[in-house]
Amino acid sequence: MWCVGELGVEYHRHDLGHRFGGLDTDAFRQLNPNRTIPVIQDDDHPPLWETGAILRYLANAYGNQAFWPRDTARQAEVDKWAEWAKINIAMTFTVPVFWQVVRTPKAEQDQHANKHAVAALEHKLALADAQLSEGAFLCGADLTLADIQLGHILYRYYDIDISRAELPNLRRYYKMLADRPAYQTHVMISYDELRAP
């Protein structure tokens, strides 16, 4: 949704999954046989599922040269960092850090494991911090698809109750993202319902 917002694409959103339900219906199965979100359907095109495929479709269909370069080498650079963020950051954050710190009751948390998971995540985030020393965004002066893949994780990373490494370029980058209206609307949303009691 942040990508849709940044690109200014008109949309109609359907909330499904978690407390909304609806993933087990026949209608949804026809959209995505995996019965997972996200899914998009643009006009009469077949439905798309899987975040990376959806983001690349939106970038190709609606992104300008700065967001998704048409030059093959430049596009591959953006795609490299997008894939890196999806594999190395999202997967290293969501279950090992976020689920353990936010979704697991405090009494059941393994603090040693949490500290180790945060250290592993920040080892990867240090690569982004170094990359961001060279430009405002992950791939230079402009927001790209790579920033969508990395930036959405940072709201929760900076919001949860953990000790964090300095990473000054990453913090500057996050503050810049947090000033963007589309980020505020689609990323900086409450996740209180996910918190363990």
N, C-alpha and C. Protein backbone atom coordinates (compact mmCIF):
# COMPACT_ATOMS: atom_id res chain seq x y z
N MET A 1 0.82 -1.20 0.00
CA MET A 1 0.00 0.00 0.00
C MET A 1 0.86 1.25 0.00
N TRP A 2 2.02 1.18 0.65
CA TRP A 2 2.92 2.34 0.61
C TRP A 2 3.37 2.60 -0.82
N CYS A 3 3.69 1.57 -1.55
CA CYS A 3 4.09 1.74 -2.95
C CYS A 3 2.96 2.37 -3.75
N VAL A 4 1.76 1.87 -3.58
CA VAL A 4 0.59 2.44 -4.26
C VAL A 4 0.46 3.92 -3.92
N GLY A 5 0.63 4.25 -2.65
CA GLY A 5 0.53 5.65 -2.22
C GLY A 5 1.60 6.53 -2.81
N GLU A 6 2.85 6.03 -2.82
CA GLU A 6 3.95 6.82 -3.39
C GLU A 6 3.76 7.06 -4.88
N LEU A 7 3.22 6.07 -5.58
CA LEU A 7 3.04 6.20 -7.03
C LEU A 7 1.75 6.92 -7.41
N GLY A 8 0.92 7.22 -6.43
CA GLY A 8 -0.32 7.95 -6.71
C GLY A 8 -1.34 7.15 -7.49
N VAL A 9 -1.35 5.83 -7.31
CA VAL A 9 -2.27 4.96 -8.03
C VAL A 9 -3.62 4.96 -7.31
N GLU A 10 -4.69 5.15 -8.08
CA GLU A 10 -6.02 5.04 -7.49
C GLU A 10 -6.30 3.58 -7.17
N TYR A 11 -6.98 3.33 -6.06
CA TYR A 11 -7.19 1.95 -5.64
C TYR A 11 -8.47 1.82 -4.84
N HIS A 12 -8.93 0.59 -4.74
CA HIS A 12 -10.00 0.23 -3.81
C HIS A 12 -9.44 -0.89 -2.97
N ARG A 13 -9.33 -0.69 -1.68
CA ARG A 13 -8.69 -1.64 -0.76
C ARG A 13 -9.74 -2.52 -0.09
N HIS A 14 -9.42 -3.81 -0.01
CA HIS A 14 -10.25 -4.76 0.72
C HIS A 14 -9.40 -5.32 1.86
N ASP A 15 -9.81 -5.13 3.09
CA ASP A 15 -9.07 -5.66 4.23
C ASP A 15 -9.50 -7.11 4.48
N LEU A 16 -8.52 -8.01 4.41
CA LEU A 16 -8.76 -9.44 4.62
C LEU A 16 -7.65 -10.00 5.50
N GLY A 17 -7.88 -11.18 6.05
CA GLY A 17 -6.89 -11.81 6.89
C GLY A 17 -6.97 -11.31 8.32
N HIS A 18 -6.22 -11.96 9.21
CA HIS A 18 -6.17 -11.64 10.63
C HIS A 18 -7.59 -11.45 11.18
N ARG A 19 -7.89 -10.32 11.79
CA ARG A 19 -9.21 -10.13 12.40
C ARG A 19 -10.32 -9.93 11.38
N PHE A 20 -9.95 -9.65 10.11
CA PHE A 20 -10.96 -9.42 9.09
C PHE A 20 -11.48 -10.72 8.49
N GLY A 21 -10.67 -11.77 8.53
CA GLY A 21 -11.08 -13.04 7.95
C GLY A 21 -11.16 -12.96 6.42
N GLY A 22 -11.86 -13.89 5.82
CA GLY A 22 -12.13 -13.86 4.39
C GLY A 22 -11.13 -14.61 3.52
N LEU A 23 -10.02 -15.09 4.10
CA LEU A 23 -9.02 -15.77 3.28
C LEU A 23 -9.45 -17.19 2.91
N ASP A 24 -10.44 -17.72 3.61
CA ASP A 24 -10.86 -19.10 3.36
C ASP A 24 -12.07 -19.20 2.43
N THR A 25 -12.45 -18.10 1.81
CA THR A 25 -13.60 -18.14 0.90
C THR A 25 -13.18 -18.62 -0.48
N ASP A 26 -14.13 -19.15 -1.22
CA ASP A 26 -13.85 -19.58 -2.59
C ASP A 26 -13.47 -18.39 -3.47
N ALA A 27 -14.11 -17.26 -3.23
CA ALA A 27 -13.80 -16.07 -4.02
C ALA A 27 -12.34 -15.66 -3.84
N PHE A 28 -11.85 -15.70 -2.60
CA PHE A 28 -10.45 -15.32 -2.39
C PHE A 28 -9.51 -16.38 -2.94
N ARG A 29 -9.87 -17.66 -2.80
CA ARG A 29 -9.02 -18.72 -3.34
C ARG A 29 -8.82 -18.55 -4.84
N GLN A 30 -9.81 -18.02 -5.54
CA GLN A 30 -9.67 -17.76 -6.97
C GLN A 30 -8.68 -16.63 -7.24
N LEU A 31 -8.55 -15.71 -6.31
CA LEU A 31 -7.56 -14.65 -6.43
C LEU A 31 -6.17 -15.16 -6.09
N ASN A 32 -6.07 -15.95 -5.02
CA ASN A 32 -4.78 -16.47 -4.58
C ASN A 32 -4.96 -17.85 -3.96
N PRO A 33 -4.56 -18.90 -4.68
CA PRO A 33 -4.74 -20.25 -4.16
C PRO A 33 -3.93 -20.51 -2.88
N ASN A 34 -2.93 -19.67 -2.58
CA ASN A 34 -2.19 -19.78 -1.33
C ASN A 34 -2.99 -19.29 -0.14
N ARG A 35 -4.04 -18.51 -0.42
CA ARG A 35 -4.91 -17.93 0.61
C ARG A 35 -4.13 -17.02 1.56
N THR A 36 -3.23 -16.24 0.98
CA THR A 36 -2.45 -15.28 1.76
C THR A 36 -2.58 -13.90 1.13
N ILE A 37 -2.23 -12.89 1.91
CA ILE A 37 -2.19 -11.53 1.39
C ILE A 37 -0.74 -11.08 1.34
N PRO A 38 -0.39 -10.11 0.52
CA PRO A 38 -1.25 -9.27 -0.32
C PRO A 38 -1.58 -9.91 -1.67
N VAL A 39 -2.64 -9.38 -2.25
CA VAL A 39 -3.08 -9.72 -3.61
C VAL A 39 -3.54 -8.43 -4.25
N ILE A 40 -3.21 -8.22 -5.52
CA ILE A 40 -3.79 -7.09 -6.23
C ILE A 40 -4.42 -7.59 -7.53
N GLN A 41 -5.40 -6.85 -7.99
CA GLN A 41 -5.94 -7.06 -9.33
C GLN A 41 -6.09 -5.68 -9.95
N ASP A 42 -5.40 -5.47 -11.03
CA ASP A 42 -5.38 -4.18 -11.71
C ASP A 42 -6.18 -4.31 -13.01
N ASP A 43 -7.29 -3.60 -13.07
CA ASP A 43 -8.19 -3.68 -14.23
C ASP A 43 -8.56 -5.13 -14.51
N ASP A 44 -8.43 -5.54 -15.76
CA ASP A 44 -8.82 -6.90 -16.13
C ASP A 44 -7.65 -7.88 -16.12
N HIS A 45 -6.49 -7.46 -15.62
CA HIS A 45 -5.34 -8.35 -15.56
C HIS A 45 -5.57 -9.45 -14.53
N PRO A 46 -4.91 -10.58 -14.69
CA PRO A 46 -5.04 -11.63 -13.68
C PRO A 46 -4.55 -11.14 -12.32
N PRO A 47 -5.10 -11.68 -11.24
CA PRO A 47 -4.63 -11.26 -9.92
C PRO A 47 -3.16 -11.62 -9.72
N LEU A 48 -2.49 -10.79 -8.95
CA LEU A 48 -1.08 -11.01 -8.61
C LEU A 48 -0.95 -11.21 -7.11
N TRP A 49 -0.13 -12.18 -6.71
CA TRP A 49 0.22 -12.37 -5.31
C TRP A 49 1.72 -12.49 -5.24
N GLU A 50 2.24 -12.40 -4.04
CA GLU A 50 3.66 -12.32 -3.69
C GLU A 50 4.12 -10.86 -3.78
N THR A 51 4.60 -10.37 -2.67
CA THR A 51 4.96 -8.95 -2.53
C THR A 51 5.93 -8.48 -3.60
N GLY A 52 7.00 -9.22 -3.83
CA GLY A 52 7.99 -8.79 -4.83
C GLY A 52 7.39 -8.65 -6.21
N ALA A 53 6.57 -9.62 -6.62
CA ALA A 53 5.92 -9.56 -7.94
C ALA A 53 4.97 -8.37 -8.02
N ILE A 54 4.23 -8.14 -6.95
CA ILE A 54 3.30 -7.00 -6.92
C ILE A 54 4.07 -5.68 -7.04
N LEU A 55 5.13 -5.55 -6.26
CA LEU A 55 5.90 -4.30 -6.30
C LEU A 55 6.53 -4.07 -7.68
N ARG A 56 7.06 -5.12 -8.29
CA ARG A 56 7.65 -4.95 -9.63
C ARG A 56 6.58 -4.60 -10.67
N TYR A 57 5.42 -5.19 -10.54
CA TYR A 57 4.32 -4.85 -11.45
C TYR A 57 3.97 -3.37 -11.30
N LEU A 58 3.77 -2.92 -10.07
CA LEU A 58 3.43 -1.51 -9.84
C LEU A 58 4.53 -0.59 -10.36
N ALA A 59 5.78 -0.98 -10.13
CA ALA A 59 6.91 -0.16 -10.60
C ALA A 59 6.92 -0.08 -12.12
N ASN A 60 6.73 -1.21 -12.79
CA ASN A 60 6.71 -1.22 -14.26
C ASN A 60 5.52 -0.48 -14.83
N ALA A 61 4.36 -0.65 -14.21
CA ALA A 61 3.14 -0.05 -14.74
C ALA A 61 3.01 1.43 -14.41
N TYR A 62 3.47 1.85 -13.23
CA TYR A 62 3.18 3.21 -12.76
C TYR A 62 4.40 4.01 -12.33
N GLY A 63 5.54 3.37 -12.18
CA GLY A 63 6.72 4.08 -11.68
C GLY A 63 7.43 4.86 -12.77
N ASN A 64 8.03 5.98 -12.38
CA ASN A 64 8.81 6.76 -13.35
C ASN A 64 10.24 6.22 -13.38
N GLN A 65 11.07 6.86 -14.20
CA GLN A 65 12.47 6.40 -14.36
C GLN A 65 13.26 6.45 -13.06
N ALA A 66 12.94 7.39 -12.21
CA ALA A 66 13.67 7.50 -10.94
C ALA A 66 13.30 6.36 -10.00
N PHE A 67 12.02 6.03 -9.96
CA PHE A 67 11.55 4.98 -9.05
C PHE A 67 11.94 3.58 -9.53
N TRP A 68 11.85 3.35 -10.82
CA TRP A 68 12.15 2.04 -11.41
C TRP A 68 12.81 2.28 -12.76
N PRO A 69 14.13 2.43 -12.77
CA PRO A 69 14.84 2.78 -14.01
C PRO A 69 14.58 1.78 -15.13
N ARG A 70 14.53 2.29 -16.35
CA ARG A 70 14.34 1.41 -17.51
C ARG A 70 15.67 0.89 -18.03
N ASP A 71 16.77 1.54 -17.65
CA ASP A 71 18.09 1.04 -17.99
C ASP A 71 18.32 -0.26 -17.22
N THR A 72 18.70 -1.32 -17.92
CA THR A 72 18.80 -2.66 -17.33
C THR A 72 19.76 -2.70 -16.14
N ALA A 73 20.94 -2.12 -16.28
CA ALA A 73 21.93 -2.17 -15.20
C ALA A 73 21.45 -1.39 -13.98
N ARG A 74 20.87 -0.22 -14.21
CA ARG A 74 20.38 0.61 -13.11
C ARG A 74 19.19 -0.07 -12.42
N GLN A 75 18.31 -0.67 -13.23
CA GLN A 75 17.17 -1.38 -12.65
C GLN A 75 17.64 -2.57 -11.81
N ALA A 76 18.65 -3.27 -12.29
CA ALA A 76 19.18 -4.40 -11.54
C ALA A 76 19.76 -3.96 -10.20
N GLU A 77 20.37 -2.78 -10.15
CA GLU A 77 20.90 -2.25 -8.90
C GLU A 77 19.77 -2.01 -7.89
N VAL A 78 18.68 -1.42 -8.36
CA VAL A 78 17.52 -1.19 -7.50
C VAL A 78 16.95 -2.54 -7.05
N ASP A 79 16.80 -3.45 -8.00
CA ASP A 79 16.23 -4.76 -7.70
C ASP A 79 17.12 -5.54 -6.73
N LYS A 80 18.43 -5.40 -6.86
CA LYS A 80 19.36 -6.07 -5.95
C LYS A 80 19.10 -5.65 -4.50
N TRP A 81 18.98 -4.34 -4.28
CA TRP A 81 18.75 -3.86 -2.92
C TRP A 81 17.35 -4.20 -2.43
N ALA A 82 16.38 -4.24 -3.35
CA ALA A 82 15.02 -4.65 -2.96
C ALA A 82 15.01 -6.10 -2.50
N GLU A 83 15.65 -6.96 -3.26
CA GLU A 83 15.74 -8.38 -2.89
C GLU A 83 16.53 -8.55 -1.60
N TRP A 84 17.60 -7.81 -1.47
CA TRP A 84 18.41 -7.86 -0.25
C TRP A 84 17.55 -7.51 0.97
N ALA A 85 16.77 -6.45 0.85
CA ALA A 85 15.92 -6.03 1.97
C ALA A 85 14.87 -7.09 2.29
N LYS A 86 14.28 -7.66 1.26
CA LYS A 86 13.24 -8.68 1.48
C LYS A 86 13.82 -9.91 2.17
N ILE A 87 14.96 -10.38 1.71
CA ILE A 87 15.55 -11.61 2.25
C ILE A 87 16.30 -11.35 3.55
N ASN A 88 17.14 -10.35 3.56
CA ASN A 88 18.05 -10.14 4.69
C ASN A 88 17.48 -9.31 5.83
N ILE A 89 16.54 -8.44 5.52
CA ILE A 89 15.99 -7.59 6.58
C ILE A 89 14.61 -8.08 7.02
N ALA A 90 13.68 -8.19 6.11
CA ALA A 90 12.32 -8.60 6.49
C ALA A 90 12.33 -9.96 7.18
N MET A 91 13.06 -10.90 6.63
CA MET A 91 13.08 -12.24 7.23
C MET A 91 13.87 -12.29 8.53
N THR A 92 14.84 -11.41 8.69
CA THR A 92 15.65 -11.37 9.90
C THR A 92 14.96 -10.57 11.00
N PHE A 93 13.96 -9.77 10.62
CA PHE A 93 13.25 -8.94 11.59
C PHE A 93 11.93 -9.57 12.03
N THR A 94 11.09 -9.96 11.09
CA THR A 94 9.69 -10.27 11.39
C THR A 94 9.53 -11.37 12.44
N VAL A 95 10.03 -12.55 12.20
CA VAL A 95 9.85 -13.63 13.16
C VAL A 95 10.87 -13.58 14.30
N PRO A 96 12.17 -13.47 13.99
CA PRO A 96 13.14 -13.53 15.09
C PRO A 96 13.11 -12.34 16.04
N VAL A 97 12.70 -11.17 15.56
CA VAL A 97 12.71 -9.98 16.43
C VAL A 97 11.27 -9.55 16.76
N PHE A 98 10.51 -9.15 15.76
CA PHE A 98 9.18 -8.58 16.01
C PHE A 98 8.26 -9.56 16.73
N TRP A 99 8.16 -10.78 16.23
CA TRP A 99 7.26 -11.75 16.87
C TRP A 99 7.71 -12.05 18.29
N GLN A 100 9.01 -12.11 18.51
CA GLN A 100 9.51 -12.45 19.84
C GLN A 100 9.36 -11.30 20.83
N VAL A 101 9.58 -10.07 20.36
CA VAL A 101 9.53 -8.91 21.25
C VAL A 101 8.10 -8.41 21.45
N VAL A 102 7.29 -8.45 20.39
CA VAL A 102 5.95 -7.86 20.45
C VAL A 102 4.85 -8.91 20.60
N ARG A 103 4.98 -10.01 19.91
CA ARG A 103 3.88 -10.97 19.87
C ARG A 103 4.01 -12.09 20.89
N THR A 104 5.12 -12.15 21.59
CA THR A 104 5.32 -13.17 22.62
C THR A 104 5.18 -12.52 24.00
N PRO A 105 4.38 -13.10 24.88
CA PRO A 105 4.26 -12.52 26.23
C PRO A 105 5.63 -12.36 26.88
N LYS A 106 5.81 -11.29 27.60
CA LYS A 106 7.11 -10.94 28.21
C LYS A 106 7.68 -12.11 29.04
N ALA A 107 6.82 -12.77 29.78
CA ALA A 107 7.28 -13.86 30.64
C ALA A 107 7.80 -15.06 29.84
N GLU A 108 7.39 -15.16 28.58
CA GLU A 108 7.81 -16.29 27.74
C GLU A 108 8.99 -15.96 26.83
N GLN A 109 9.44 -14.72 26.87
CA GLN A 109 10.52 -14.31 25.98
C GLN A 109 11.88 -14.80 26.48
N ASP A 110 12.71 -15.18 25.54
CA ASP A 110 14.09 -15.56 25.83
C ASP A 110 14.94 -14.33 25.52
N GLN A 111 15.32 -13.58 26.55
CA GLN A 111 16.03 -12.31 26.35
C GLN A 111 17.38 -12.51 25.66
N HIS A 112 18.05 -13.60 25.96
CA HIS A 112 19.32 -13.89 25.29
C HIS A 112 19.10 -14.09 23.78
N ALA A 113 18.07 -14.86 23.43
CA ALA A 113 17.75 -15.09 22.01
C ALA A 113 17.33 -13.78 21.34
N ASN A 114 16.56 -12.96 22.06
CA ASN A 114 16.14 -11.67 21.49
C ASN A 114 17.35 -10.80 21.19
N LYS A 115 18.28 -10.73 22.14
CA LYS A 115 19.48 -9.90 21.95
C LYS A 115 20.29 -10.42 20.76
N HIS A 116 20.42 -11.73 20.64
CA HIS A 116 21.15 -12.34 19.53
C HIS A 116 20.45 -12.03 18.19
N ALA A 117 19.11 -12.11 18.17
CA ALA A 117 18.35 -11.83 16.94
C ALA A 117 18.50 -10.37 16.51
N VAL A 118 18.46 -9.46 17.47
CA VAL A 118 18.63 -8.03 17.16
C VAL A 118 20.04 -7.79 16.62
N ALA A 119 21.03 -8.42 17.22
CA ALA A 119 22.42 -8.26 16.75
C ALA A 119 22.57 -8.78 15.32
N ALA A 120 21.94 -9.91 15.00
CA ALA A 120 22.00 -10.46 13.64
C ALA A 120 21.33 -9.52 12.64
N LEU A 121 20.19 -8.97 13.03
CA LEU A 121 19.50 -8.00 12.18
C LEU A 121 20.36 -6.76 11.96
N GLU A 122 20.93 -6.24 13.02
CA GLU A 122 21.70 -5.00 12.90
C GLU A 122 23.02 -5.21 12.15
N HIS A 123 23.52 -6.42 12.16
CA HIS A 123 24.68 -6.73 11.32
C HIS A 123 24.33 -6.49 9.86
N LYS A 124 23.13 -6.88 9.46
CA LYS A 124 22.65 -6.65 8.09
C LYS A 124 22.30 -5.18 7.88
N LEU A 125 21.64 -4.57 8.86
CA LEU A 125 21.27 -3.16 8.72
C LEU A 125 22.49 -2.26 8.59
N ALA A 126 23.63 -2.69 9.11
CA ALA A 126 24.87 -1.92 8.96
C ALA A 126 25.26 -1.77 7.49
N LEU A 127 24.90 -2.75 6.66
CA LEU A 127 25.15 -2.63 5.22
C LEU A 127 24.31 -1.50 4.63
N ALA A 128 23.06 -1.41 5.06
CA ALA A 128 22.21 -0.32 4.60
C ALA A 128 22.73 1.02 5.10
N ASP A 129 23.19 1.05 6.35
CA ASP A 129 23.72 2.28 6.92
C ASP A 129 24.91 2.77 6.08
N ALA A 130 25.80 1.85 5.69
CA ALA A 130 26.95 2.23 4.85
C ALA A 130 26.48 2.70 3.48
N GLN A 131 25.52 2.01 2.90
CA GLN A 131 25.00 2.40 1.59
C GLN A 131 24.36 3.78 1.65
N LEU A 132 23.66 4.05 2.74
CA LEU A 132 22.96 5.34 2.89
C LEU A 132 23.91 6.49 3.18
N SER A 133 25.17 6.21 3.44
CA SER A 133 26.14 7.29 3.60
C SER A 133 26.45 7.93 2.25
N GLU A 134 26.06 7.27 1.17
CA GLU A 134 26.36 7.75 -0.18
C GLU A 134 25.20 8.47 -0.85
N GLY A 135 24.02 8.44 -0.25
CA GLY A 135 22.88 9.09 -0.88
C GLY A 135 21.71 9.19 0.08
N ALA A 136 20.73 9.99 -0.29
CA ALA A 136 19.56 10.17 0.56
C ALA A 136 18.77 8.88 0.70
N PHE A 137 18.70 8.12 -0.41
CA PHE A 137 17.94 6.89 -0.42
C PHE A 137 18.88 5.72 -0.70
N LEU A 138 18.34 4.54 -0.66
CA LEU A 138 19.16 3.34 -0.76
C LEU A 138 19.93 3.27 -2.07
N CYS A 139 19.35 3.76 -3.16
CA CYS A 139 20.01 3.70 -4.47
C CYS A 139 20.31 5.07 -5.04
N GLY A 140 20.49 6.06 -4.18
CA GLY A 140 20.87 7.38 -4.68
C GLY A 140 19.98 8.48 -4.18
N ALA A 141 19.71 9.44 -5.05
CA ALA A 141 19.01 10.66 -4.65
C ALA A 141 17.49 10.52 -4.64
N ASP A 142 16.96 9.44 -5.22
CA ASP A 142 15.51 9.31 -5.37
C ASP A 142 14.98 8.06 -4.68
N LEU A 143 13.74 8.14 -4.20
CA LEU A 143 13.05 6.98 -3.66
C LEU A 143 12.86 5.97 -4.78
N THR A 144 13.17 4.70 -4.50
CA THR A 144 12.98 3.64 -5.49
C THR A 144 12.23 2.47 -4.85
N LEU A 145 11.98 1.48 -5.66
CA LEU A 145 11.35 0.26 -5.18
C LEU A 145 12.15 -0.37 -4.05
N ALA A 146 13.47 -0.24 -4.08
CA ALA A 146 14.31 -0.78 -3.01
C ALA A 146 13.96 -0.16 -1.66
N ASP A 147 13.63 1.12 -1.65
CA ASP A 147 13.28 1.78 -0.40
C ASP A 147 11.95 1.26 0.15
N ILE A 148 11.04 0.91 -0.75
CA ILE A 148 9.78 0.34 -0.30
C ILE A 148 10.04 -0.97 0.46
N GLN A 149 10.91 -1.80 -0.10
CA GLN A 149 11.19 -3.09 0.53
C GLN A 149 11.91 -2.93 1.88
N LEU A 150 12.81 -1.98 1.98
CA LEU A 150 13.53 -1.77 3.24
C LEU A 150 12.74 -0.90 4.21
N GLY A 151 12.24 0.20 3.73
CA GLY A 151 11.69 1.23 4.60
C GLY A 151 10.49 0.82 5.42
N HIS A 152 9.67 -0.08 4.90
CA HIS A 152 8.46 -0.43 5.67
C HIS A 152 8.80 -1.16 6.96
N ILE A 153 9.94 -1.84 7.01
CA ILE A 153 10.36 -2.55 8.22
C ILE A 153 10.78 -1.57 9.32
N LEU A 154 11.30 -0.42 8.90
CA LEU A 154 11.93 0.48 9.87
C LEU A 154 10.96 1.10 10.87
N TYR A 155 9.69 1.27 10.47
CA TYR A 155 8.74 1.84 11.43
C TYR A 155 8.66 0.96 12.68
N ARG A 156 8.48 -0.33 12.49
CA ARG A 156 8.38 -1.22 13.64
C ARG A 156 9.73 -1.40 14.32
N TYR A 157 10.80 -1.45 13.55
CA TYR A 157 12.14 -1.57 14.15
C TYR A 157 12.41 -0.42 15.11
N TYR A 158 12.07 0.81 14.69
CA TYR A 158 12.33 1.95 15.56
C TYR A 158 11.25 2.15 16.63
N ASP A 159 10.14 1.44 16.51
CA ASP A 159 9.04 1.64 17.44
C ASP A 159 9.04 0.63 18.58
N ILE A 160 9.57 -0.56 18.38
CA ILE A 160 9.50 -1.59 19.41
C ILE A 160 10.52 -1.34 20.52
N ASP A 161 10.31 -2.01 21.63
CA ASP A 161 11.13 -1.81 22.83
C ASP A 161 12.36 -2.71 22.79
N ILE A 162 13.42 -2.24 22.11
CA ILE A 162 14.69 -2.95 22.07
C ILE A 162 15.81 -1.92 22.19
N SER A 163 16.99 -2.39 22.54
CA SER A 163 18.19 -1.54 22.47
C SER A 163 18.68 -1.61 21.03
N ARG A 164 18.97 -0.45 20.46
CA ARG A 164 19.37 -0.39 19.06
C ARG A 164 20.79 0.13 18.90
N ALA A 165 21.46 -0.33 17.85
CA ALA A 165 22.77 0.20 17.47
C ALA A 165 22.58 1.63 16.95
N GLU A 166 23.66 2.38 16.89
CA GLU A 166 23.59 3.77 16.44
C GLU A 166 23.09 3.90 15.01
N LEU A 167 23.80 3.36 14.03
CA LEU A 167 23.41 3.40 12.62
C LEU A 167 22.86 4.78 12.22
N PRO A 168 23.67 5.82 12.26
CA PRO A 168 23.18 7.19 12.07
C PRO A 168 22.56 7.45 10.69
N ASN A 169 23.10 6.86 9.65
CA ASN A 169 22.54 7.08 8.32
C ASN A 169 21.18 6.43 8.19
N LEU A 170 21.02 5.27 8.79
CA LEU A 170 19.73 4.57 8.76
C LEU A 170 18.69 5.37 9.53
N ARG A 171 19.08 5.93 10.68
CA ARG A 171 18.13 6.73 11.47
C ARG A 171 17.72 7.99 10.70
N ARG A 172 18.69 8.66 10.04
CA ARG A 172 18.36 9.83 9.23
C ARG A 172 17.38 9.45 8.12
N TYR A 173 17.65 8.35 7.47
CA TYR A 173 16.80 7.83 6.39
C TYR A 173 15.39 7.55 6.90
N TYR A 174 15.29 6.88 8.05
CA TYR A 174 13.98 6.58 8.62
C TYR A 174 13.21 7.87 8.92
N LYS A 175 13.89 8.86 9.51
CA LYS A 175 13.22 10.13 9.82
C LYS A 175 12.72 10.80 8.55
N MET A 176 13.49 10.70 7.48
CA MET A 176 13.07 11.28 6.20
C MET A 176 11.85 10.53 5.65
N LEU A 177 11.86 9.20 5.74
CA LEU A 177 10.71 8.42 5.29
C LEU A 177 9.47 8.77 6.11
N ALA A 178 9.66 8.93 7.41
CA ALA A 178 8.54 9.20 8.31
C ALA A 178 7.88 10.55 8.04
N ASP A 179 8.55 11.43 7.31
CA ASP A 179 7.97 12.71 6.92
C ASP A 179 7.13 12.61 5.64
N ARG A 180 7.20 11.49 4.96
CA ARG A 180 6.47 11.34 3.70
C ARG A 180 5.01 10.99 3.98
N PRO A 181 4.06 11.71 3.37
CA PRO A 181 2.64 11.45 3.63
C PRO A 181 2.21 10.00 3.35
N ALA A 182 2.69 9.40 2.27
CA ALA A 182 2.30 8.02 1.96
C ALA A 182 2.82 7.05 3.01
N TYR A 183 4.00 7.31 3.54
CA TYR A 183 4.57 6.47 4.60
C TYR A 183 3.73 6.59 5.87
N GLN A 184 3.36 7.81 6.21
CA GLN A 184 2.55 8.03 7.39
C GLN A 184 1.20 7.32 7.27
N THR A 185 0.60 7.38 6.09
CA THR A 185 -0.72 6.80 5.87
C THR A 185 -0.69 5.27 5.84
N HIS A 186 0.30 4.70 5.18
CA HIS A 186 0.26 3.27 4.92
C HIS A 186 1.24 2.43 5.73
N VAL A 187 2.22 3.06 6.37
CA VAL A 187 3.21 2.29 7.13
C VAL A 187 3.10 2.57 8.62
N MET A 188 2.99 3.82 8.99
CA MET A 188 3.00 4.19 10.40
C MET A 188 1.61 4.02 11.02
N ILE A 189 1.16 2.77 11.02
CA ILE A 189 -0.17 2.47 11.54
C ILE A 189 -0.02 1.57 12.77
N SER A 190 -0.99 1.66 13.64
CA SER A 190 -0.95 0.92 14.90
C SER A 190 -0.92 -0.59 14.64
N TYR A 191 -0.12 -1.28 15.41
CA TYR A 191 -0.12 -2.74 15.39
C TYR A 191 -0.42 -3.27 16.79
N ASP A 192 -1.13 -2.46 17.58
CA ASP A 192 -1.46 -2.86 18.95
C ASP A 192 -2.20 -4.18 19.03
N GLU A 193 -3.03 -4.47 18.04
CA GLU A 193 -3.80 -5.72 18.08
C GLU A 193 -2.89 -6.95 17.94
N LEU A 194 -1.65 -6.74 17.49
CA LEU A 194 -0.71 -7.86 17.36
C LEU A 194 0.07 -8.11 18.65
N ARG A 195 -0.01 -7.17 19.58
CA ARG A 195 0.78 -7.30 20.80
C ARG A 195 0.24 -8.43 21.70
N ALA A 196 1.18 -9.15 22.29
CA ALA A 196 0.80 -10.19 23.24
C ALA A 196 0.19 -9.55 24.48
N PRO A 197 -0.76 -10.23 25.09
CA PRO A 197 -1.38 -9.67 26.31
C PRO A 197 -0.39 -9.63 27.46
